[in-house]
Amino acid sequence: DAKLEARLAQVVTAIRAGDRAARTRSPSAPELTPIGSLAALRDAVEAGRTVLIGYVDNHGVSTERIVDPVRVDGGWLTARDHRADDVRQFAVHRIRTVNPVDSAP
């Protein structure tokens, strides 16, 4: 049925984004200050560059997301999240690492 197919497509998208994040991860990536994150994200927006962000959510859980930054404004990053396949907002002060991602999917 259509609902099952849509859900399966979401799962496949999330798995592929996770695999890509694992390939991109840099074990020596330094943690950034909020000012450092802001600068790296603004550079990514200007260059139209996909990045892997290390993010700490409201519950203190660390996650990595591959995103296409759209804009940085008012302490928030607006970006297309590859895992969710949707545009999301991330609080810049919760972003700990920003690493460029190669262009291959």
N, C-alpha and C. Protein backbone atom coordinates (compact mmCIF):
# COMPACT_ATOMS: atom_id res chain seq x y z
N ASP A 1 0.83 -1.18 0.00
CA ASP A 1 0.00 0.00 0.00
C ASP A 1 0.88 1.25 0.00
N ALA A 2 0.30 2.37 -0.34
CA ALA A 2 1.06 3.62 -0.53
C ALA A 2 1.72 4.10 0.76
N LYS A 3 1.05 3.94 1.90
CA LYS A 3 1.62 4.39 3.18
C LYS A 3 2.88 3.59 3.52
N LEU A 4 2.83 2.30 3.29
CA LEU A 4 3.98 1.43 3.56
C LEU A 4 5.14 1.80 2.65
N GLU A 5 4.86 2.02 1.38
CA GLU A 5 5.91 2.40 0.43
C GLU A 5 6.55 3.73 0.82
N ALA A 6 5.73 4.68 1.25
CA ALA A 6 6.27 5.99 1.67
C ALA A 6 7.14 5.83 2.90
N ARG A 7 6.70 5.02 3.85
CA ARG A 7 7.49 4.80 5.08
C ARG A 7 8.80 4.09 4.75
N LEU A 8 8.76 3.10 3.87
CA LEU A 8 9.98 2.40 3.46
C LEU A 8 10.95 3.35 2.78
N ALA A 9 10.44 4.26 1.95
CA ALA A 9 11.30 5.24 1.30
C ALA A 9 11.96 6.15 2.33
N GLN A 10 11.22 6.53 3.39
CA GLN A 10 11.80 7.35 4.46
C GLN A 10 12.91 6.59 5.18
N VAL A 11 12.69 5.33 5.44
CA VAL A 11 13.69 4.51 6.13
C VAL A 11 14.95 4.38 5.29
N VAL A 12 14.79 4.13 4.01
CA VAL A 12 15.94 4.01 3.10
C VAL A 12 16.71 5.33 3.05
N THR A 13 16.01 6.45 2.99
CA THR A 13 16.66 7.77 2.99
C THR A 13 17.46 7.97 4.25
N ALA A 14 16.89 7.62 5.40
CA ALA A 14 17.58 7.77 6.69
C ALA A 14 18.82 6.87 6.76
N ILE A 15 18.71 5.65 6.29
CA ILE A 15 19.85 4.72 6.31
C ILE A 15 20.97 5.24 5.40
N ARG A 16 20.63 5.69 4.22
CA ARG A 16 21.65 6.22 3.30
C ARG A 16 22.34 7.45 3.89
N ALA A 17 21.57 8.33 4.53
CA ALA A 17 22.16 9.52 5.17
C ALA A 17 23.09 9.10 6.30
N GLY A 18 22.69 8.09 7.07
CA GLY A 18 23.55 7.59 8.15
C GLY A 18 24.83 6.98 7.62
N ASP A 19 24.73 6.22 6.55
CA ASP A 19 25.92 5.62 5.93
C ASP A 19 26.86 6.71 5.42
N ARG A 20 26.29 7.72 4.79
CA ARG A 20 27.11 8.82 4.27
C ARG A 20 27.78 9.58 5.42
N ALA A 21 27.06 9.78 6.51
CA ALA A 21 27.63 10.46 7.68
C ALA A 21 28.80 9.66 8.24
N ALA A 22 28.65 8.34 8.29
CA ALA A 22 29.72 7.48 8.81
C ALA A 22 30.96 7.56 7.93
N ARG A 23 30.78 7.62 6.62
CA ARG A 23 31.93 7.74 5.70
C ARG A 23 32.60 9.09 5.82
N THR A 24 31.83 10.12 6.17
CA THR A 24 32.33 11.49 6.21
C THR A 24 32.99 11.84 7.53
N ARG A 25 32.60 11.16 8.59
CA ARG A 25 33.06 11.47 9.95
C ARG A 25 34.57 11.57 10.02
N SER A 26 35.03 12.61 10.68
CA SER A 26 36.46 12.82 10.90
C SER A 26 36.75 12.61 12.38
N PRO A 27 37.50 11.57 12.74
CA PRO A 27 37.73 11.30 14.15
C PRO A 27 38.50 12.42 14.86
N SER A 28 39.21 13.23 14.11
CA SER A 28 40.02 14.28 14.73
C SER A 28 39.37 15.67 14.61
N ALA A 29 38.08 15.70 14.24
CA ALA A 29 37.42 17.00 14.08
C ALA A 29 37.33 17.71 15.43
N PRO A 30 37.85 18.92 15.50
CA PRO A 30 37.80 19.65 16.77
C PRO A 30 36.39 20.14 17.06
N GLU A 31 36.07 20.18 18.36
CA GLU A 31 34.79 20.77 18.75
C GLU A 31 34.88 22.27 18.59
N LEU A 32 33.81 22.86 18.11
CA LEU A 32 33.78 24.29 17.84
C LEU A 32 33.04 25.05 18.94
N THR A 33 33.40 26.29 19.11
CA THR A 33 32.62 27.18 19.95
C THR A 33 31.41 27.62 19.13
N PRO A 34 30.39 28.20 19.76
CA PRO A 34 29.27 28.70 18.95
C PRO A 34 29.71 29.70 17.88
N ILE A 35 30.70 30.53 18.19
CA ILE A 35 31.20 31.50 17.20
C ILE A 35 31.88 30.76 16.04
N GLY A 36 32.64 29.71 16.36
CA GLY A 36 33.29 28.91 15.33
C GLY A 36 32.27 28.20 14.45
N SER A 37 31.22 27.66 15.08
CA SER A 37 30.15 27.00 14.32
C SER A 37 29.47 27.99 13.40
N LEU A 38 29.18 29.18 13.92
CA LEU A 38 28.52 30.21 13.14
C LEU A 38 29.35 30.57 11.90
N ALA A 39 30.65 30.76 12.08
CA ALA A 39 31.53 31.10 10.96
C ALA A 39 31.56 29.97 9.92
N ALA A 40 31.71 28.72 10.38
CA ALA A 40 31.77 27.58 9.47
C ALA A 40 30.46 27.42 8.71
N LEU A 41 29.34 27.64 9.40
CA LEU A 41 28.04 27.50 8.75
C LEU A 41 27.79 28.62 7.74
N ARG A 42 28.19 29.83 8.08
CA ARG A 42 28.04 30.93 7.12
C ARG A 42 28.87 30.68 5.87
N ASP A 43 30.08 30.15 6.06
CA ASP A 43 30.92 29.79 4.91
C ASP A 43 30.22 28.74 4.04
N ALA A 44 29.62 27.74 4.69
CA ALA A 44 28.93 26.68 3.95
C ALA A 44 27.73 27.23 3.18
N VAL A 45 26.98 28.16 3.79
CA VAL A 45 25.85 28.77 3.10
C VAL A 45 26.34 29.51 1.86
N GLU A 46 27.38 30.34 2.03
CA GLU A 46 27.90 31.12 0.91
C GLU A 46 28.42 30.24 -0.22
N ALA A 47 29.07 29.13 0.14
CA ALA A 47 29.65 28.23 -0.86
C ALA A 47 28.64 27.21 -1.40
N GLY A 48 27.46 27.13 -0.77
CA GLY A 48 26.49 26.11 -1.18
C GLY A 48 26.99 24.72 -0.89
N ARG A 49 27.73 24.57 0.20
CA ARG A 49 28.40 23.31 0.55
C ARG A 49 27.58 22.47 1.53
N THR A 50 27.49 21.19 1.27
CA THR A 50 26.88 20.24 2.20
C THR A 50 27.87 19.98 3.32
N VAL A 51 27.36 19.90 4.56
CA VAL A 51 28.22 19.67 5.72
C VAL A 51 27.63 18.60 6.63
N LEU A 52 28.51 18.00 7.40
CA LEU A 52 28.13 17.08 8.47
C LEU A 52 28.24 17.86 9.77
N ILE A 53 27.13 17.98 10.49
CA ILE A 53 27.18 18.68 11.77
C ILE A 53 27.06 17.68 12.90
N GLY A 54 27.80 17.94 13.96
CA GLY A 54 27.63 17.22 15.22
C GLY A 54 26.74 18.09 16.07
N TYR A 55 25.62 17.55 16.53
CA TYR A 55 24.58 18.35 17.17
C TYR A 55 24.16 17.69 18.48
N VAL A 56 23.92 18.50 19.50
CA VAL A 56 23.41 18.00 20.78
C VAL A 56 21.98 18.49 20.93
N ASP A 57 21.02 17.55 21.05
CA ASP A 57 19.61 17.95 21.11
C ASP A 57 19.21 18.43 22.50
N ASN A 58 17.94 18.76 22.68
CA ASN A 58 17.41 19.28 23.95
C ASN A 58 17.57 18.32 25.12
N HIS A 59 17.74 17.05 24.82
CA HIS A 59 17.88 16.03 25.86
C HIS A 59 19.33 15.66 26.12
N GLY A 60 20.26 16.37 25.47
CA GLY A 60 21.68 16.10 25.66
C GLY A 60 22.21 14.95 24.82
N VAL A 61 21.42 14.48 23.87
CA VAL A 61 21.82 13.37 23.01
C VAL A 61 22.56 13.91 21.80
N SER A 62 23.76 13.39 21.57
CA SER A 62 24.56 13.80 20.41
C SER A 62 24.12 13.04 19.18
N THR A 63 24.07 13.73 18.07
CA THR A 63 23.71 13.12 16.80
C THR A 63 24.52 13.79 15.70
N GLU A 64 24.62 13.14 14.58
CA GLU A 64 25.27 13.72 13.42
C GLU A 64 24.25 13.80 12.30
N ARG A 65 24.28 14.91 11.60
CA ARG A 65 23.34 15.11 10.50
C ARG A 65 24.08 15.69 9.31
N ILE A 66 23.77 15.16 8.14
CA ILE A 66 24.26 15.77 6.90
C ILE A 66 23.20 16.75 6.46
N VAL A 67 23.62 18.00 6.27
CA VAL A 67 22.67 19.06 5.95
C VAL A 67 23.19 19.94 4.82
N ASP A 68 22.24 20.56 4.13
CA ASP A 68 22.53 21.58 3.13
C ASP A 68 22.09 22.90 3.76
N PRO A 69 23.02 23.68 4.30
CA PRO A 69 22.65 24.94 4.95
C PRO A 69 22.00 25.92 3.97
N VAL A 70 20.89 26.52 4.41
CA VAL A 70 20.16 27.49 3.61
C VAL A 70 20.45 28.90 4.12
N ARG A 71 20.37 29.06 5.46
CA ARG A 71 20.67 30.37 6.05
C ARG A 71 20.98 30.20 7.53
N VAL A 72 21.71 31.19 8.04
CA VAL A 72 22.01 31.28 9.47
C VAL A 72 21.51 32.64 9.91
N ASP A 73 20.58 32.63 10.87
CA ASP A 73 19.98 33.89 11.29
C ASP A 73 19.44 33.77 12.71
N GLY A 74 19.73 34.76 13.55
CA GLY A 74 19.19 34.79 14.90
C GLY A 74 19.60 33.60 15.75
N GLY A 75 20.79 33.06 15.50
CA GLY A 75 21.26 31.92 16.28
C GLY A 75 20.72 30.57 15.82
N TRP A 76 20.08 30.54 14.67
CA TRP A 76 19.51 29.30 14.13
C TRP A 76 20.06 29.00 12.74
N LEU A 77 20.32 27.74 12.49
CA LEU A 77 20.67 27.26 11.17
C LEU A 77 19.41 26.68 10.55
N THR A 78 19.06 27.15 9.37
CA THR A 78 17.99 26.53 8.59
C THR A 78 18.68 25.74 7.49
N ALA A 79 18.35 24.45 7.41
CA ALA A 79 19.05 23.58 6.46
C ALA A 79 18.17 22.40 6.07
N ARG A 80 18.45 21.86 4.88
CA ARG A 80 17.78 20.61 4.47
C ARG A 80 18.53 19.47 5.11
N ASP A 81 17.83 18.74 5.95
CA ASP A 81 18.40 17.59 6.65
C ASP A 81 18.25 16.36 5.76
N HIS A 82 19.36 15.76 5.38
CA HIS A 82 19.31 14.60 4.49
C HIS A 82 18.61 13.41 5.12
N ARG A 83 18.77 13.21 6.43
CA ARG A 83 18.14 12.06 7.09
C ARG A 83 16.62 12.20 7.07
N ALA A 84 16.12 13.37 7.42
CA ALA A 84 14.67 13.59 7.46
C ALA A 84 14.11 13.93 6.09
N ASP A 85 15.01 14.28 5.15
CA ASP A 85 14.62 14.73 3.82
C ASP A 85 13.60 15.87 3.94
N ASP A 86 13.94 16.83 4.80
CA ASP A 86 13.06 17.96 5.06
C ASP A 86 13.91 19.14 5.55
N VAL A 87 13.36 20.33 5.47
CA VAL A 87 14.05 21.51 5.97
C VAL A 87 13.80 21.61 7.47
N ARG A 88 14.88 21.76 8.23
CA ARG A 88 14.80 21.82 9.69
C ARG A 88 15.60 23.01 10.20
N GLN A 89 15.38 23.35 11.47
CA GLN A 89 16.17 24.39 12.12
C GLN A 89 16.96 23.77 13.26
N PHE A 90 18.21 24.22 13.40
CA PHE A 90 19.11 23.75 14.44
C PHE A 90 19.65 24.95 15.19
N ALA A 91 19.65 24.91 16.52
CA ALA A 91 20.22 25.98 17.33
C ALA A 91 21.73 25.95 17.17
N VAL A 92 22.32 27.06 16.74
CA VAL A 92 23.77 27.11 16.47
C VAL A 92 24.57 26.78 17.73
N HIS A 93 24.11 27.19 18.90
CA HIS A 93 24.88 26.93 20.12
C HIS A 93 24.93 25.44 20.47
N ARG A 94 24.12 24.63 19.82
CA ARG A 94 24.13 23.17 20.06
C ARG A 94 24.96 22.42 19.01
N ILE A 95 25.47 23.14 18.00
CA ILE A 95 26.28 22.51 16.96
C ILE A 95 27.73 22.50 17.42
N ARG A 96 28.31 21.31 17.53
CA ARG A 96 29.66 21.14 18.07
C ARG A 96 30.73 20.96 17.01
N THR A 97 30.37 20.39 15.86
CA THR A 97 31.33 20.20 14.78
C THR A 97 30.65 20.51 13.44
N VAL A 98 31.45 20.99 12.50
CA VAL A 98 30.99 21.26 11.14
C VAL A 98 32.08 20.79 10.21
N ASN A 99 31.78 19.80 9.38
CA ASN A 99 32.77 19.25 8.45
C ASN A 99 32.18 19.19 7.05
N PRO A 100 32.99 19.59 6.05
CA PRO A 100 32.51 19.51 4.67
C PRO A 100 32.27 18.05 4.26
N VAL A 101 31.32 17.85 3.37
CA VAL A 101 30.98 16.52 2.87
C VAL A 101 31.32 16.48 1.40
N ASP A 102 31.88 15.36 0.96
CA ASP A 102 32.16 15.24 -0.47
C ASP A 102 30.85 15.26 -1.25
N SER A 103 30.92 15.54 -2.52
CA SER A 103 29.70 15.72 -3.32
C SER A 103 29.06 14.40 -3.75
N ALA A 104 29.74 13.27 -3.54
CA ALA A 104 29.18 11.99 -3.93
C ALA A 104 28.11 11.57 -2.92
N PRO A 105 26.92 11.09 -3.38
CA PRO A 105 25.87 10.68 -2.44
C PRO A 105 26.21 9.46 -1.65
